[in-house]
Amino acid sequence: MIGDKPTEEWLDAYEESHSHPFNRCCHVIGIPMLTIALPLFLLLFFYPGIWWLPVSLYVGGWALLLIGHAVEGKRPDFVKDWRFLLFGLAWWFRTVRRRS
């Protein structure tokens, strides 16, 4: 439960705004890119020469997400409520699990 809604309601709302197949594809690829990039930024303290890897994954991931939303014609949900940023990865796991 986050705020006044159970997790499933958040995920259902997230799902609703990602109904276009191209947008879904962009999110299925872009969300893991962002997820991998974040811990890689911590490695920069030990390996500063790999800065291009997390930056590329992070920028590329966001680009895919925004392109997907442009094609779908809907603004990202986090624009109206920042808490939607917390549900992208959970939505990704649910979507991938349904496909297999």
PDB file of N, CA and C in Angstrom:
ATOM      1  N   MET A   1       0.849  -1.181   0.000  1.00  0.00           N
ATOM      2  CA  MET A   1       0.000   0.000   0.000  1.00  0.00           C
ATOM      3  C   MET A   1       0.894   1.243   0.000  1.00  0.00           C
ATOM      4  N   ILE A   2       0.676   2.075  -0.977  1.00  0.00           N
ATOM      5  CA  ILE A   2       1.388   3.357  -1.040  1.00  0.00           C
ATOM      6  C   ILE A   2       0.321   4.439  -1.020  1.00  0.00           C
ATOM      7  N   GLY A   3       0.390   5.266   0.002  1.00  0.00           N
ATOM      8  CA  GLY A   3      -0.630   6.305   0.124  1.00  0.00           C
ATOM      9  C   GLY A   3      -1.991   5.690   0.352  1.00  0.00           C
ATOM     10  N   ASP A   4      -2.935   6.047  -0.482  1.00  0.00           N
ATOM     11  CA  ASP A   4      -4.323   5.599  -0.299  1.00  0.00           C
ATOM     12  C   ASP A   4      -4.697   4.438  -1.204  1.00  0.00           C
ATOM     13  N   LYS A   5      -3.736   3.873  -1.948  1.00  0.00           N
ATOM     14  CA  LYS A   5      -4.047   2.808  -2.901  1.00  0.00           C
ATOM     15  C   LYS A   5      -3.188   1.572  -2.650  1.00  0.00           C
ATOM     16  N   PRO A   6      -3.785   0.394  -2.835  1.00  0.00           N
ATOM     17  CA  PRO A   6      -2.969  -0.822  -2.807  1.00  0.00           C
ATOM     18  C   PRO A   6      -2.070  -0.900  -4.046  1.00  0.00           C
ATOM     19  N   THR A   7      -1.015  -1.666  -3.942  1.00  0.00           N
ATOM     20  CA  THR A   7      -0.046  -1.798  -5.031  1.00  0.00           C
ATOM     21  C   THR A   7      -0.709  -2.212  -6.340  1.00  0.00           C
ATOM     22  N   GLU A   8      -1.627  -3.139  -6.290  1.00  0.00           N
ATOM     23  CA  GLU A   8      -2.289  -3.609  -7.520  1.00  0.00           C
ATOM     24  C   GLU A   8      -3.022  -2.475  -8.239  1.00  0.00           C
ATOM     25  N   GLU A   9      -3.618  -1.568  -7.499  1.00  0.00           N
ATOM     26  CA  GLU A   9      -4.292  -0.416  -8.134  1.00  0.00           C
ATOM     27  C   GLU A   9      -3.289   0.476  -8.849  1.00  0.00           C
ATOM     28  N   TRP A  10      -2.128   0.705  -8.226  1.00  0.00           N
ATOM     29  CA  TRP A  10      -1.088   1.502  -8.866  1.00  0.00           C
ATOM     30  C   TRP A  10      -0.640   0.832 -10.160  1.00  0.00           C
ATOM     31  N   LEU A  11      -0.422  -0.492 -10.079  1.00  0.00           N
ATOM     32  CA  LEU A  11       0.038  -1.220 -11.263  1.00  0.00           C
ATOM     33  C   LEU A  11      -1.015  -1.236 -12.364  1.00  0.00           C
ATOM     34  N   ASP A  12      -2.280  -1.357 -11.985  1.00  0.00           N
ATOM     35  CA  ASP A  12      -3.350  -1.325 -12.984  1.00  0.00           C
ATOM     36  C   ASP A  12      -3.418   0.038 -13.670  1.00  0.00           C
ATOM     37  N   ALA A  13      -3.254   1.107 -12.892  1.00  0.00           N
ATOM     38  CA  ALA A  13      -3.258   2.456 -13.473  1.00  0.00           C
ATOM     39  C   ALA A  13      -2.046   2.640 -14.393  1.00  0.00           C
ATOM     40  N   TYR A  14      -0.906   2.115 -13.984  1.00  0.00           N
ATOM     41  CA  TYR A  14       0.303   2.186 -14.815  1.00  0.00           C
ATOM     42  C   TYR A  14       0.075   1.430 -16.116  1.00  0.00           C
ATOM     43  N   GLU A  15      -0.508   0.258 -16.009  1.00  0.00           N
ATOM     44  CA  GLU A  15      -0.812  -0.576 -17.182  1.00  0.00           C
ATOM     45  C   GLU A  15      -1.726   0.154 -18.162  1.00  0.00           C
ATOM     46  N   GLU A  16      -2.711   0.844 -17.627  1.00  0.00           N
ATOM     47  CA  GLU A  16      -3.694   1.541 -18.465  1.00  0.00           C
ATOM     48  C   GLU A  16      -3.047   2.612 -19.338  1.00  0.00           C
ATOM     49  N   SER A  17      -2.028   3.269 -18.828  1.00  0.00           N
ATOM     50  CA  SER A  17      -1.398   4.336 -19.609  1.00  0.00           C
ATOM     51  C   SER A  17      -0.254   3.818 -20.477  1.00  0.00           C
ATOM     52  N   HIS A  18      -0.113   2.505 -20.541  1.00  0.00           N
ATOM     53  CA  HIS A  18       0.912   1.880 -21.380  1.00  0.00           C
ATOM     54  C   HIS A  18       0.261   0.788 -22.217  1.00  0.00           C
ATOM     55  N   SER A  19      -0.756   1.161 -22.954  1.00  0.00           N
ATOM     56  CA  SER A  19      -1.526   0.165 -23.703  1.00  0.00           C
ATOM     57  C   SER A  19      -1.067   0.002 -25.153  1.00  0.00           C
ATOM     58  N   HIS A  20      -0.410   1.002 -25.717  1.00  0.00           N
ATOM     59  CA  HIS A  20       0.062   0.913 -27.096  1.00  0.00           C
ATOM     60  C   HIS A  20       1.227  -0.079 -27.156  1.00  0.00           C
ATOM     61  N   PRO A  21       1.212  -1.010 -28.105  1.00  0.00           N
ATOM     62  CA  PRO A  21       2.278  -2.028 -28.173  1.00  0.00           C
ATOM     63  C   PRO A  21       3.692  -1.441 -28.292  1.00  0.00           C
ATOM     64  N   PHE A  22       3.836  -0.349 -29.044  1.00  0.00           N
ATOM     65  CA  PHE A  22       5.165   0.251 -29.188  1.00  0.00           C
ATOM     66  C   PHE A  22       5.634   0.839 -27.857  1.00  0.00           C
ATOM     67  N   ASN A  23       4.730   1.496 -27.144  1.00  0.00           N
ATOM     68  CA  ASN A  23       5.075   2.070 -25.846  1.00  0.00           C
ATOM     69  C   ASN A  23       5.443   0.954 -24.868  1.00  0.00           C
ATOM     70  N   ARG A  24       4.686  -0.118 -24.885  1.00  0.00           N
ATOM     71  CA  ARG A  24       4.989  -1.252 -24.003  1.00  0.00           C
ATOM     72  C   ARG A  24       6.375  -1.819 -24.322  1.00  0.00           C
ATOM     73  N   CYS A  25       6.681  -1.953 -25.603  1.00  0.00           N
ATOM     74  CA  CYS A  25       7.988  -2.465 -26.013  1.00  0.00           C
ATOM     75  C   CYS A  25       9.104  -1.530 -25.536  1.00  0.00           C
ATOM     76  N   CYS A  26       8.909  -0.239 -25.712  1.00  0.00           N
ATOM     77  CA  CYS A  26       9.902   0.734 -25.255  1.00  0.00           C
ATOM     78  C   CYS A  26      10.120   0.626 -23.749  1.00  0.00           C
ATOM     79  N   HIS A  27       9.058   0.406 -23.000  1.00  0.00           N
ATOM     80  CA  HIS A  27       9.172   0.281 -21.548  1.00  0.00           C
ATOM     81  C   HIS A  27       9.805  -1.044 -21.140  1.00  0.00           C
ATOM     82  N   VAL A  28       9.496  -2.105 -21.863  1.00  0.00           N
ATOM     83  CA  VAL A  28      10.084  -3.412 -21.534  1.00  0.00           C
ATOM     84  C   VAL A  28      11.601  -3.372 -21.726  1.00  0.00           C
ATOM     85  N   ILE A  29      12.085  -2.561 -22.646  1.00  0.00           N
ATOM     86  CA  ILE A  29      13.526  -2.422 -22.864  1.00  0.00           C
ATOM     87  C   ILE A  29      14.110  -1.301 -21.999  1.00  0.00           C
ATOM     88  N   GLY A  30      13.424  -0.171 -21.915  1.00  0.00           N
ATOM     89  CA  GLY A  30      13.957   1.009 -21.233  1.00  0.00           C
ATOM     90  C   GLY A  30      14.027   0.887 -19.722  1.00  0.00           C
ATOM     91  N   ILE A  31      13.052   0.238 -19.102  1.00  0.00           N
ATOM     92  CA  ILE A  31      13.050   0.122 -17.633  1.00  0.00           C
ATOM     93  C   ILE A  31      14.260  -0.668 -17.140  1.00  0.00           C
ATOM     94  N   PRO A  32      14.595  -1.829 -17.745  1.00  0.00           N
ATOM     95  CA  PRO A  32      15.814  -2.507 -17.276  1.00  0.00           C
ATOM     96  C   PRO A  32      17.092  -1.698 -17.521  1.00  0.00           C
ATOM     97  N   MET A  33      17.102  -0.914 -18.601  1.00  0.00           N
ATOM     98  CA  MET A  33      18.276  -0.069 -18.850  1.00  0.00           C
ATOM     99  C   MET A  33      18.479   0.904 -17.691  1.00  0.00           C
ATOM    100  N   LEU A  34      17.401   1.535 -17.254  1.00  0.00           N
ATOM    101  CA  LEU A  34      17.485   2.465 -16.123  1.00  0.00           C
ATOM    102  C   LEU A  34      17.861   1.734 -14.838  1.00  0.00           C
ATOM    103  N   THR A  35      17.283   0.576 -14.641  1.00  0.00           N
ATOM    104  CA  THR A  35      17.528  -0.200 -13.424  1.00  0.00           C
ATOM    105  C   THR A  35      18.992  -0.628 -13.337  1.00  0.00           C
ATOM    106  N   ILE A  36      19.575  -1.007 -14.449  1.00  0.00           N
ATOM    107  CA  ILE A  36      20.985  -1.410 -14.469  1.00  0.00           C
ATOM    108  C   ILE A  36      21.895  -0.194 -14.319  1.00  0.00           C
ATOM    109  N   ALA A  37      21.494   0.929 -14.891  1.00  0.00           N
ATOM    110  CA  ALA A  37      22.329   2.137 -14.851  1.00  0.00           C
ATOM    111  C   ALA A  37      22.525   2.653 -13.428  1.00  0.00           C
ATOM    112  N   LEU A  38      21.487   2.613 -12.616  1.00  0.00           N
ATOM    113  CA  LEU A  38      21.580   3.232 -11.289  1.00  0.00           C
ATOM    114  C   LEU A  38      22.683   2.632 -10.420  1.00  0.00           C
ATOM    115  N   PRO A  39      22.764   1.303 -10.258  1.00  0.00           N
ATOM    116  CA  PRO A  39      23.881   0.788  -9.445  1.00  0.00           C
ATOM    117  C   PRO A  39      25.243   0.966 -10.130  1.00  0.00           C
ATOM    118  N   LEU A  40      25.247   1.017 -11.460  1.00  0.00           N
ATOM    119  CA  LEU A  40      26.520   1.233 -12.154  1.00  0.00           C
ATOM    120  C   LEU A  40      27.106   2.607 -11.846  1.00  0.00           C
ATOM    121  N   PHE A  41      26.255   3.574 -11.546  1.00  0.00           N
ATOM    122  CA  PHE A  41      26.760   4.900 -11.175  1.00  0.00           C
ATOM    123  C   PHE A  41      27.627   4.810  -9.911  1.00  0.00           C
ATOM    124  N   LEU A  42      27.295   3.885  -9.020  1.00  0.00           N
ATOM    125  CA  LEU A  42      28.101   3.715  -7.805  1.00  0.00           C
ATOM    126  C   LEU A  42      29.498   3.184  -8.124  1.00  0.00           C
ATOM    127  N   LEU A  43      29.612   2.399  -9.174  1.00  0.00           N
ATOM    128  CA  LEU A  43      30.924   1.869  -9.565  1.00  0.00           C
ATOM    129  C   LEU A  43      31.880   2.961 -10.045  1.00  0.00           C
ATOM    130  N   LEU A  44      31.339   4.120 -10.378  1.00  0.00           N
ATOM    131  CA  LEU A  44      32.195   5.204 -10.868  1.00  0.00           C
ATOM    132  C   LEU A  44      33.188   5.668  -9.804  1.00  0.00           C
ATOM    133  N   PHE A  45      32.872   5.425  -8.520  1.00  0.00           N
ATOM    134  CA  PHE A  45      33.814   5.779  -7.462  1.00  0.00           C
ATOM    135  C   PHE A  45      35.082   4.933  -7.556  1.00  0.00           C
ATOM    136  N   PHE A  46      34.941   3.711  -8.058  1.00  0.00           N
ATOM    137  CA  PHE A  46      36.066   2.791  -8.148  1.00  0.00           C
ATOM    138  C   PHE A  46      36.648   2.695  -9.562  1.00  0.00           C
ATOM    139  N   TYR A  47      35.796   2.893 -10.554  1.00  0.00           N
ATOM    140  CA  TYR A  47      36.197   2.782 -11.957  1.00  0.00           C
ATOM    141  C   TYR A  47      35.681   3.998 -12.742  1.00  0.00           C
ATOM    142  N   PRO A  48      36.292   5.146 -12.561  1.00  0.00           N
ATOM    143  CA  PRO A  48      35.775   6.356 -13.216  1.00  0.00           C
ATOM    144  C   PRO A  48      35.828   6.307 -14.741  1.00  0.00           C
ATOM    145  N   GLY A  49      36.622   5.427 -15.293  1.00  0.00           N
ATOM    146  CA  GLY A  49      36.741   5.342 -16.745  1.00  0.00           C
ATOM    147  C   GLY A  49      35.526   4.740 -17.434  1.00  0.00           C
ATOM    148  N   ILE A  50      34.601   4.168 -16.661  1.00  0.00           N
ATOM    149  CA  ILE A  50      33.415   3.562 -17.279  1.00  0.00           C
ATOM    150  C   ILE A  50      32.196   4.482 -17.216  1.00  0.00           C
ATOM    151  N   TRP A  51      32.422   5.768 -17.032  1.00  0.00           N
ATOM    152  CA  TRP A  51      31.312   6.721 -16.881  1.00  0.00           C
ATOM    153  C   TRP A  51      30.316   6.640 -18.030  1.00  0.00           C
ATOM    154  N   TRP A  52      30.811   6.333 -19.227  1.00  0.00           N
ATOM    155  CA  TRP A  52      29.961   6.306 -20.427  1.00  0.00           C
ATOM    156  C   TRP A  52      28.907   5.207 -20.359  1.00  0.00           C
ATOM    157  N   LEU A  53      29.187   4.111 -19.647  1.00  0.00           N
ATOM    158  CA  LEU A  53      28.244   3.002 -19.609  1.00  0.00           C
ATOM    159  C   LEU A  53      26.961   3.352 -18.843  1.00  0.00           C
ATOM    160  N   PRO A  54      27.045   3.765 -17.575  1.00  0.00           N
ATOM    161  CA  PRO A  54      25.789   4.114 -16.898  1.00  0.00           C
ATOM    162  C   PRO A  54      25.090   5.324 -17.508  1.00  0.00           C
ATOM    163  N   VAL A  55      25.868   6.286 -17.995  1.00  0.00           N
ATOM    164  CA  VAL A  55      25.258   7.467 -18.613  1.00  0.00           C
ATOM    165  C   VAL A  55      24.494   7.056 -19.871  1.00  0.00           C
ATOM    166  N   SER A  56      25.100   6.205 -20.692  1.00  0.00           N
ATOM    167  CA  SER A  56      24.433   5.744 -21.916  1.00  0.00           C
ATOM    168  C   SER A  56      23.168   4.961 -21.605  1.00  0.00           C
ATOM    169  N   LEU A  57      23.254   4.056 -20.632  1.00  0.00           N
ATOM    170  CA  LEU A  57      22.070   3.270 -20.263  1.00  0.00           C
ATOM    171  C   LEU A  57      20.965   4.168 -19.718  1.00  0.00           C
ATOM    172  N   TYR A  58      21.344   5.123 -18.873  1.00  0.00           N
ATOM    173  CA  TYR A  58      20.359   6.012 -18.249  1.00  0.00           C
ATOM    174  C   TYR A  58      19.675   6.902 -19.291  1.00  0.00           C
ATOM    175  N   VAL A  59      20.463   7.550 -20.107  1.00  0.00           N
ATOM    176  CA  VAL A  59      19.908   8.450 -21.124  1.00  0.00           C
ATOM    177  C   VAL A  59      19.117   7.653 -22.169  1.00  0.00           C
ATOM    178  N   GLY A  60      19.665   6.525 -22.594  1.00  0.00           N
ATOM    179  CA  GLY A  60      18.967   5.691 -23.571  1.00  0.00           C
ATOM    180  C   GLY A  60      17.653   5.139 -23.031  1.00  0.00           C
ATOM    181  N   GLY A  61      17.660   4.731 -21.765  1.00  0.00           N
ATOM    182  CA  GLY A  61      16.436   4.220 -21.145  1.00  0.00           C
ATOM    183  C   GLY A  61      15.349   5.280 -21.091  1.00  0.00           C
ATOM    184  N   TRP A  62      15.718   6.475 -20.628  1.00  0.00           N
ATOM    185  CA  TRP A  62      14.721   7.556 -20.574  1.00  0.00           C
ATOM    186  C   TRP A  62      14.246   7.938 -21.968  1.00  0.00           C
ATOM    187  N   ALA A  63      15.159   7.932 -22.935  1.00  0.00           N
ATOM    188  CA  ALA A  63      14.762   8.268 -24.310  1.00  0.00           C
ATOM    189  C   ALA A  63      13.718   7.278 -24.809  1.00  0.00           C
ATOM    190  N   LEU A  64      13.932   5.992 -24.582  1.00  0.00           N
ATOM    191  CA  LEU A  64      12.952   4.992 -25.006  1.00  0.00           C
ATOM    192  C   LEU A  64      11.597   5.217 -24.349  1.00  0.00           C
ATOM    193  N   LEU A  65      11.609   5.496 -23.047  1.00  0.00           N
ATOM    194  CA  LEU A  65      10.339   5.701 -22.341  1.00  0.00           C
ATOM    195  C   LEU A  65       9.590   6.910 -22.897  1.00  0.00           C
ATOM    196  N   LEU A  66      10.304   7.987 -23.130  1.00  0.00           N
ATOM    197  CA  LEU A  66       9.656   9.201 -23.626  1.00  0.00           C
ATOM    198  C   LEU A  66       9.186   9.054 -25.074  1.00  0.00           C
ATOM    199  N   ILE A  67       9.960   8.342 -25.891  1.00  0.00           N
ATOM    200  CA  ILE A  67       9.537   8.077 -27.267  1.00  0.00           C
ATOM    201  C   ILE A  67       8.270   7.230 -27.260  1.00  0.00           C
ATOM    202  N   GLY A  68       8.237   6.218 -26.405  1.00  0.00           N
ATOM    203  CA  GLY A  68       7.048   5.375 -26.294  1.00  0.00           C
ATOM    204  C   GLY A  68       5.817   6.177 -25.921  1.00  0.00           C
ATOM    205  N   HIS A  69       5.967   7.086 -24.976  1.00  0.00           N
ATOM    206  CA  HIS A  69       4.825   7.919 -24.584  1.00  0.00           C
ATOM    207  C   HIS A  69       4.413   8.873 -25.695  1.00  0.00           C
ATOM    208  N   ALA A  70       5.378   9.364 -26.452  1.00  0.00           N
ATOM    209  CA  ALA A  70       5.042  10.245 -27.578  1.00  0.00           C
ATOM    210  C   ALA A  70       4.219   9.486 -28.616  1.00  0.00           C
ATOM    211  N   VAL A  71       4.599   8.251 -28.892  1.00  0.00           N
ATOM    212  CA  VAL A  71       3.842   7.442 -29.856  1.00  0.00           C
ATOM    213  C   VAL A  71       2.443   7.146 -29.316  1.00  0.00           C
ATOM    214  N   GLU A  72       2.359   6.833 -28.028  1.00  0.00           N
ATOM    215  CA  GLU A  72       1.049   6.528 -27.440  1.00  0.00           C
ATOM    216  C   GLU A  72       0.186   7.779 -27.324  1.00  0.00           C
ATOM    217  N   GLY A  73       0.826   8.929 -27.238  1.00  0.00           N
ATOM    218  CA  GLY A  73       0.075  10.174 -27.126  1.00  0.00           C
ATOM    219  C   GLY A  73      -0.379  10.479 -25.707  1.00  0.00           C
ATOM    220  N   LYS A  74       0.296   9.887 -24.734  1.00  0.00           N
ATOM    221  CA  LYS A  74      -0.036  10.123 -23.325  1.00  0.00           C
ATOM    222  C   LYS A  74       1.213  10.575 -22.586  1.00  0.00           C
ATOM    223  N   ARG A  75       1.019  11.517 -21.681  1.00  0.00           N
ATOM    224  CA  ARG A  75       2.135  11.953 -20.853  1.00  0.00           C
ATOM    225  C   ARG A  75       2.464  10.862 -19.844  1.00  0.00           C
ATOM    226  N   PRO A  76       3.728  10.780 -19.426  1.00  0.00           N
ATOM    227  CA  PRO A  76       4.072   9.804 -18.384  1.00  0.00           C
ATOM    228  C   PRO A  76       3.272  10.068 -17.112  1.00  0.00           C
ATOM    229  N   ASP A  77       2.894   8.992 -16.444  1.00  0.00           N
ATOM    230  CA  ASP A  77       2.085   9.114 -15.228  1.00  0.00           C
ATOM    231  C   ASP A  77       2.777   9.904 -14.124  1.00  0.00           C
ATOM    232  N   PHE A  78       4.104   9.832 -14.061  1.00  0.00           N
ATOM    233  CA  PHE A  78       4.801  10.513 -12.967  1.00  0.00           C
ATOM    234  C   PHE A  78       4.668  12.033 -13.050  1.00  0.00           C
ATOM    235  N   VAL A  79       4.221  12.544 -14.199  1.00  0.00           N
ATOM    236  CA  VAL A  79       4.006  13.987 -14.319  1.00  0.00           C
ATOM    237  C   VAL A  79       2.868  14.420 -13.396  1.00  0.00           C
ATOM    238  N   LYS A  80       1.842  13.568 -13.274  1.00  0.00           N
ATOM    239  CA  LYS A  80       0.727  13.923 -12.389  1.00  0.00           C
ATOM    240  C   LYS A  80       0.919  13.421 -10.966  1.00  0.00           C
ATOM    241  N   ASP A  81       1.716  12.354 -10.779  1.00  0.00           N
ATOM    242  CA  ASP A  81       1.984  11.838  -9.440  1.00  0.00           C
ATOM    243  C   ASP A  81       3.340  11.148  -9.442  1.00  0.00           C
ATOM    244  N   TRP A  82       4.294  11.707  -8.733  1.00  0.00           N
ATOM    245  CA  TRP A  82       5.663  11.205  -8.729  1.00  0.00           C
ATOM    246  C   TRP A  82       5.750   9.756  -8.250  1.00  0.00           C
ATOM    247  N   ARG A  83       4.759   9.290  -7.498  1.00  0.00           N
ATOM    248  CA  ARG A  83       4.817   7.928  -6.959  1.00  0.00           C
ATOM    249  C   ARG A  83       4.789   6.870  -8.057  1.00  0.00           C
ATOM    250  N   PHE A  84       4.330   7.236  -9.252  1.00  0.00           N
ATOM    251  CA  PHE A  84       4.360   6.279 -10.356  1.00  0.00           C
ATOM    252  C   PHE A  84       5.796   5.879 -10.717  1.00  0.00           C
ATOM    253  N   LEU A  85       6.776   6.710 -10.375  1.00  0.00           N
ATOM    254  CA  LEU A  85       8.172   6.352 -10.611  1.00  0.00           C
ATOM    255  C   LEU A  85       8.568   5.086  -9.848  1.00  0.00           C
ATOM    256  N   LEU A  86       7.856   4.806  -8.769  1.00  0.00           N
ATOM    257  CA  LEU A  86       8.160   3.641  -7.948  1.00  0.00           C
ATOM    258  C   LEU A  86       7.620   2.344  -8.525  1.00  0.00           C
ATOM    259  N   PHE A  87       6.763   2.417  -9.522  1.00  0.00           N
ATOM    260  CA  PHE A  87       6.064   1.226  -9.998  1.00  0.00           C
ATOM    261  C   PHE A  87       6.511   0.724 -11.364  1.00  0.00           C
ATOM    262  N   GLY A  88       7.421   1.407 -12.021  1.00  0.00           N
ATOM    263  CA  GLY A  88       7.872   0.973 -13.332  1.00  0.00           C
ATOM    264  C   GLY A  88       8.484  -0.417 -13.313  1.00  0.00           C
ATOM    265  N   LEU A  89       9.372  -0.660 -12.359  1.00  0.00           N
ATOM    266  CA  LEU A  89      10.030  -1.957 -12.295  1.00  0.00           C
ATOM    267  C   LEU A  89       9.048  -3.065 -11.906  1.00  0.00           C
ATOM    268  N   ALA A  90       8.133  -2.770 -10.991  1.00  0.00           N
ATOM    269  CA  ALA A  90       7.115  -3.771 -10.615  1.00  0.00           C
ATOM    270  C   ALA A  90       6.227  -4.090 -11.812  1.00  0.00           C
ATOM    271  N   TRP A  91       5.859  -3.073 -12.586  1.00  0.00           N
ATOM    272  CA  TRP A  91       5.068  -3.295 -13.805  1.00  0.00           C
ATOM    273  C   TRP A  91       5.857  -4.161 -14.779  1.00  0.00           C
ATOM    274  N   TRP A  92       7.160  -3.888 -14.918  1.00  0.00           N
ATOM    275  CA  TRP A  92       8.018  -4.655 -15.821  1.00  0.00           C
ATOM    276  C   TRP A  92       8.007  -6.132 -15.431  1.00  0.00           C
ATOM    277  N   PHE A  93       8.198  -6.429 -14.142  1.00  0.00           N
ATOM    278  CA  PHE A  93       8.185  -7.821 -13.685  1.00  0.00           C
ATOM    279  C   PHE A  93       6.842  -8.478 -13.961  1.00  0.00           C
ATOM    280  N   ARG A  94       5.759  -7.762 -13.697  1.00  0.00           N
ATOM    281  CA  ARG A  94       4.419  -8.321 -13.952  1.00  0.00           C
ATOM    282  C   ARG A  94       4.216  -8.581 -15.438  1.00  0.00           C
ATOM    283  N   THR A  95       4.653  -7.673 -16.279  1.00  0.00           N
ATOM    284  CA  THR A  95       4.487  -7.816 -17.727  1.00  0.00           C
ATOM    285  C   THR A  95       5.313  -8.983 -18.260  1.00  0.00           C
ATOM    286  N   VAL A  96       6.556  -9.090 -17.837  1.00  0.00           N
ATOM    287  CA  VAL A  96       7.435 -10.163 -18.304  1.00  0.00           C
ATOM    288  C   VAL A  96       6.917 -11.516 -17.804  1.00  0.00           C
ATOM    289  N   ARG A  97       6.453 -11.552 -16.584  1.00  0.00           N
ATOM    290  CA  ARG A  97       5.913 -12.808 -16.029  1.00  0.00           C
ATOM    291  C   ARG A  97       4.684 -13.272 -16.798  1.00  0.00           C
ATOM    292  N   ARG A  98       3.847 -12.350 -17.216  1.00  0.00           N
ATOM    293  CA  ARG A  98       2.637 -12.708 -17.984  1.00  0.00           C
ATOM    294  C   ARG A  98       2.991 -13.284 -19.341  1.00  0.00           C
ATOM    295  N   ARG A  99       4.079 -12.797 -19.935  1.00  0.00           N
ATOM    296  CA  ARG A  99       4.472 -13.260 -21.267  1.00  0.00           C
ATOM    297  C   ARG A  99       5.043 -14.664 -21.249  1.00  0.00           C
ATOM    298  N   SER A 100       5.599 -15.082 -20.108  1.00  0.00           N
ATOM    299  CA  SER A 100       6.229 -16.406 -20.079  1.00  0.00           C
ATOM    300  C   SER A 100       5.314 -17.481 -19.521  1.00  0.00           C
TER     301      SER A 100
END
